[in-house]
Amino acid sequence: MTTPSLPVRRLNGRTAVIDINGEVTAKSEDALAAAFADASTGVQAVILNFSGLEYMNSSGIGLLVTLLIRAQRQKQKLLACGLSDHYRQIFQLTRLDEAIGIYASEGEALGAV
């Protein structure tokens, strides 16, 4: 298992994107926390772009819940885009889709901010 690549992009003064490339597992915790800390500074919303996701397990889902709690504490929106059908189903089964807005594309997610 490899540590994911998690570059952060700022789209405008209100929104940042974390591009998730690779695997999201327990080993990703430090990298994901650091990327979220960077992305969430001074913005209203953070978009998680999963188009480069190769694999995510239950520990990875747990990390997303942690990010969601941090975003809610900071009164920020957390959105997701680029999920495959498989991971979209997992978001529905875990009810994460009720707390994290899920969009087909980054443009749609940005429009929802």
C-alpha atoms as a PDB file:
ATOM      1  CA  MET A   1       0.000   0.000   0.000  1.00  0.00           C
ATOM      2  CA  THR A   2       1.237   3.415  -0.892  1.00  0.00           C
ATOM      3  CA  THR A   3       0.738   6.823   0.608  1.00  0.00           C
ATOM      4  CA  PRO A   4      -1.623   8.811  -1.602  1.00  0.00           C
ATOM      5  CA  SER A   5      -0.665  11.942  -3.469  1.00  0.00           C
ATOM      6  CA  LEU A   6      -2.905  14.717  -2.135  1.00  0.00           C
ATOM      7  CA  PRO A   7      -2.160  18.016  -3.878  1.00  0.00           C
ATOM      8  CA  VAL A   8      -4.263  20.983  -2.803  1.00  0.00           C
ATOM      9  CA  ARG A   9      -5.587  23.535  -5.302  1.00  0.00           C
ATOM     10  CA  ARG A  10      -7.390  26.786  -4.567  1.00  0.00           C
ATOM     11  CA  LEU A  11     -10.145  27.512  -7.086  1.00  0.00           C
ATOM     12  CA  ASN A  12     -11.162  30.903  -5.762  1.00  0.00           C
ATOM     13  CA  GLY A  13     -11.107  32.712  -2.463  1.00  0.00           C
ATOM     14  CA  ARG A  14     -13.818  30.458  -1.044  1.00  0.00           C
ATOM     15  CA  THR A  15     -13.045  26.933  -2.233  1.00  0.00           C
ATOM     16  CA  ALA A  16     -10.120  24.520  -2.188  1.00  0.00           C
ATOM     17  CA  VAL A  17      -9.785  21.090  -3.807  1.00  0.00           C
ATOM     18  CA  ILE A  18      -7.845  18.082  -2.556  1.00  0.00           C
ATOM     19  CA  ASP A  19      -7.010  15.783  -5.474  1.00  0.00           C
ATOM     20  CA  ILE A  20      -6.947  12.270  -4.037  1.00  0.00           C
ATOM     21  CA  ASN A  21      -4.617  10.049  -6.045  1.00  0.00           C
ATOM     22  CA  GLY A  22      -3.802   6.500  -4.961  1.00  0.00           C
ATOM     23  CA  GLU A  23      -5.039   4.670  -1.882  1.00  0.00           C
ATOM     24  CA  VAL A  24      -6.873   5.970   1.180  1.00  0.00           C
ATOM     25  CA  THR A  25      -6.253   3.665   4.140  1.00  0.00           C
ATOM     26  CA  ALA A  26      -5.102   3.999   7.754  1.00  0.00           C
ATOM     27  CA  LYS A  27      -1.615   4.756   6.394  1.00  0.00           C
ATOM     28  CA  SER A  28      -3.043   7.866   4.727  1.00  0.00           C
ATOM     29  CA  GLU A  29      -4.101   9.512   7.978  1.00  0.00           C
ATOM     30  CA  ASP A  30      -1.195  11.944   8.400  1.00  0.00           C
ATOM     31  CA  ALA A  31      -1.082  12.932   4.728  1.00  0.00           C
ATOM     32  CA  LEU A  32      -4.843  13.416   4.532  1.00  0.00           C
ATOM     33  CA  ALA A  33      -4.949  15.426   7.765  1.00  0.00           C
ATOM     34  CA  ALA A  34      -2.134  17.685   6.516  1.00  0.00           C
ATOM     35  CA  ALA A  35      -3.806  18.185   3.125  1.00  0.00           C
ATOM     36  CA  PHE A  36      -7.113  19.032   4.803  1.00  0.00           C
ATOM     37  CA  ALA A  37      -5.449  21.474   7.210  1.00  0.00           C
ATOM     38  CA  ASP A  38      -3.863  23.230   4.223  1.00  0.00           C
ATOM     39  CA  ALA A  39      -7.014  23.161   2.087  1.00  0.00           C
ATOM     40  CA  SER A  40      -9.416  24.279   4.808  1.00  0.00           C
ATOM     41  CA  THR A  41      -7.505  27.413   5.787  1.00  0.00           C
ATOM     42  CA  GLY A  42      -9.593  30.486   5.000  1.00  0.00           C
ATOM     43  CA  VAL A  43     -12.181  28.827   2.746  1.00  0.00           C
ATOM     44  CA  GLN A  44     -15.906  28.103   2.943  1.00  0.00           C
ATOM     45  CA  ALA A  45     -15.758  24.713   1.232  1.00  0.00           C
ATOM     46  CA  VAL A  46     -13.368  21.857   0.529  1.00  0.00           C
ATOM     47  CA  ILE A  47     -13.956  19.574  -2.451  1.00  0.00           C
ATOM     48  CA  LEU A  48     -12.487  16.072  -2.299  1.00  0.00           C
ATOM     49  CA  ASN A  49     -11.756  15.042  -5.893  1.00  0.00           C
ATOM     50  CA  PHE A  50     -11.727  11.240  -5.959  1.00  0.00           C
ATOM     51  CA  SER A  51     -11.125  10.845  -9.709  1.00  0.00           C
ATOM     52  CA  GLY A  52      -7.596   9.526  -9.024  1.00  0.00           C
ATOM     53  CA  LEU A  53      -8.650   7.166  -6.217  1.00  0.00           C
ATOM     54  CA  GLU A  54      -7.363   3.627  -6.684  1.00  0.00           C
ATOM     55  CA  TYR A  55      -8.522   2.026  -3.434  1.00  0.00           C
ATOM     56  CA  MET A  56     -10.216   2.965  -0.168  1.00  0.00           C
ATOM     57  CA  ASN A  57     -11.016   0.647   2.723  1.00  0.00           C
ATOM     58  CA  SER A  58     -13.058   1.039   5.907  1.00  0.00           C
ATOM     59  CA  SER A  59     -10.187   2.888   7.594  1.00  0.00           C
ATOM     60  CA  GLY A  60     -10.263   5.362   4.713  1.00  0.00           C
ATOM     61  CA  ILE A  61     -13.991   5.868   5.208  1.00  0.00           C
ATOM     62  CA  GLY A  62     -13.261   6.539   8.876  1.00  0.00           C
ATOM     63  CA  LEU A  63     -10.735   9.204   7.880  1.00  0.00           C
ATOM     64  CA  LEU A  64     -13.400  10.888   5.748  1.00  0.00           C
ATOM     65  CA  VAL A  65     -15.713  10.972   8.771  1.00  0.00           C
ATOM     66  CA  THR A  66     -12.914  12.690  10.713  1.00  0.00           C
ATOM     67  CA  LEU A  67     -12.548  15.294   7.942  1.00  0.00           C
ATOM     68  CA  LEU A  68     -16.308  15.819   7.927  1.00  0.00           C
ATOM     69  CA  ILE A  69     -16.309  16.498  11.682  1.00  0.00           C
ATOM     70  CA  ARG A  70     -13.438  18.985  11.279  1.00  0.00           C
ATOM     71  CA  ALA A  71     -15.241  20.744   8.426  1.00  0.00           C
ATOM     72  CA  GLN A  72     -18.461  20.970  10.449  1.00  0.00           C
ATOM     73  CA  ARG A  73     -16.591  22.405  13.454  1.00  0.00           C
ATOM     74  CA  GLN A  74     -15.086  25.037  11.157  1.00  0.00           C
ATOM     75  CA  LYS A  75     -18.540  25.712   9.624  1.00  0.00           C
ATOM     76  CA  GLN A  76     -17.332  24.623   6.183  1.00  0.00           C
ATOM     77  CA  LYS A  77     -18.925  22.510   3.482  1.00  0.00           C
ATOM     78  CA  LEU A  78     -17.283  19.234   2.504  1.00  0.00           C
ATOM     79  CA  LEU A  79     -18.098  18.030  -0.994  1.00  0.00           C
ATOM     80  CA  ALA A  80     -16.960  15.111  -3.133  1.00  0.00           C
ATOM     81  CA  CYS A  81     -16.635  14.546  -6.856  1.00  0.00           C
ATOM     82  CA  GLY A  82     -15.201  11.936  -9.171  1.00  0.00           C
ATOM     83  CA  LEU A  83     -16.432   8.914  -7.201  1.00  0.00           C
ATOM     84  CA  SER A  84     -16.742   5.657  -9.112  1.00  0.00           C
ATOM     85  CA  ASP A  85     -20.079   3.842  -8.924  1.00  0.00           C
ATOM     86  CA  HIS A  86     -18.549   1.436  -6.382  1.00  0.00           C
ATOM     87  CA  TYR A  87     -17.492   4.177  -3.977  1.00  0.00           C
ATOM     88  CA  ARG A  88     -20.692   6.136  -4.565  1.00  0.00           C
ATOM     89  CA  GLN A  89     -22.583   3.031  -3.345  1.00  0.00           C
ATOM     90  CA  ILE A  90     -20.330   2.850  -0.279  1.00  0.00           C
ATOM     91  CA  PHE A  91     -21.080   6.501   0.494  1.00  0.00           C
ATOM     92  CA  GLN A  92     -24.797   5.650   0.276  1.00  0.00           C
ATOM     93  CA  LEU A  93     -24.504   2.524   2.448  1.00  0.00           C
ATOM     94  CA  THR A  94     -22.565   4.406   5.132  1.00  0.00           C
ATOM     95  CA  ARG A  95     -24.900   7.407   4.739  1.00  0.00           C
ATOM     96  CA  LEU A  96     -21.906   9.669   4.129  1.00  0.00           C
ATOM     97  CA  ASP A  97     -23.791  10.976   1.098  1.00  0.00           C
ATOM     98  CA  GLU A  98     -26.227  12.635   3.518  1.00  0.00           C
ATOM     99  CA  ALA A  99     -23.452  14.741   5.050  1.00  0.00           C
ATOM    100  CA  ILE A 100     -21.018  15.133   2.155  1.00  0.00           C
ATOM    101  CA  GLY A 101     -22.439  16.522  -1.068  1.00  0.00           C
ATOM    102  CA  ILE A 102     -21.618  14.168  -3.949  1.00  0.00           C
ATOM    103  CA  TYR A 103     -21.261  15.527  -7.474  1.00  0.00           C
ATOM    104  CA  ALA A 104     -20.331  13.979 -10.790  1.00  0.00           C
ATOM    105  CA  SER A 105     -17.750  16.633 -11.636  1.00  0.00           C
ATOM    106  CA  GLU A 106     -15.613  19.261  -9.958  1.00  0.00           C
ATOM    107  CA  GLY A 107     -17.548  21.931 -11.850  1.00  0.00           C
ATOM    108  CA  GLU A 108     -20.862  20.716 -10.415  1.00  0.00           C
ATOM    109  CA  ALA A 109     -19.385  20.627  -6.908  1.00  0.00           C
ATOM    110  CA  LEU A 110     -18.031  24.134  -7.324  1.00  0.00           C
ATOM    111  CA  GLY A 111     -21.455  25.294  -8.496  1.00  0.00           C
ATOM    112  CA  ALA A 112     -22.981  23.900  -5.297  1.00  0.00           C
ATOM    113  CA  VAL A 113     -20.653  25.918  -3.091  1.00  0.00           C
END
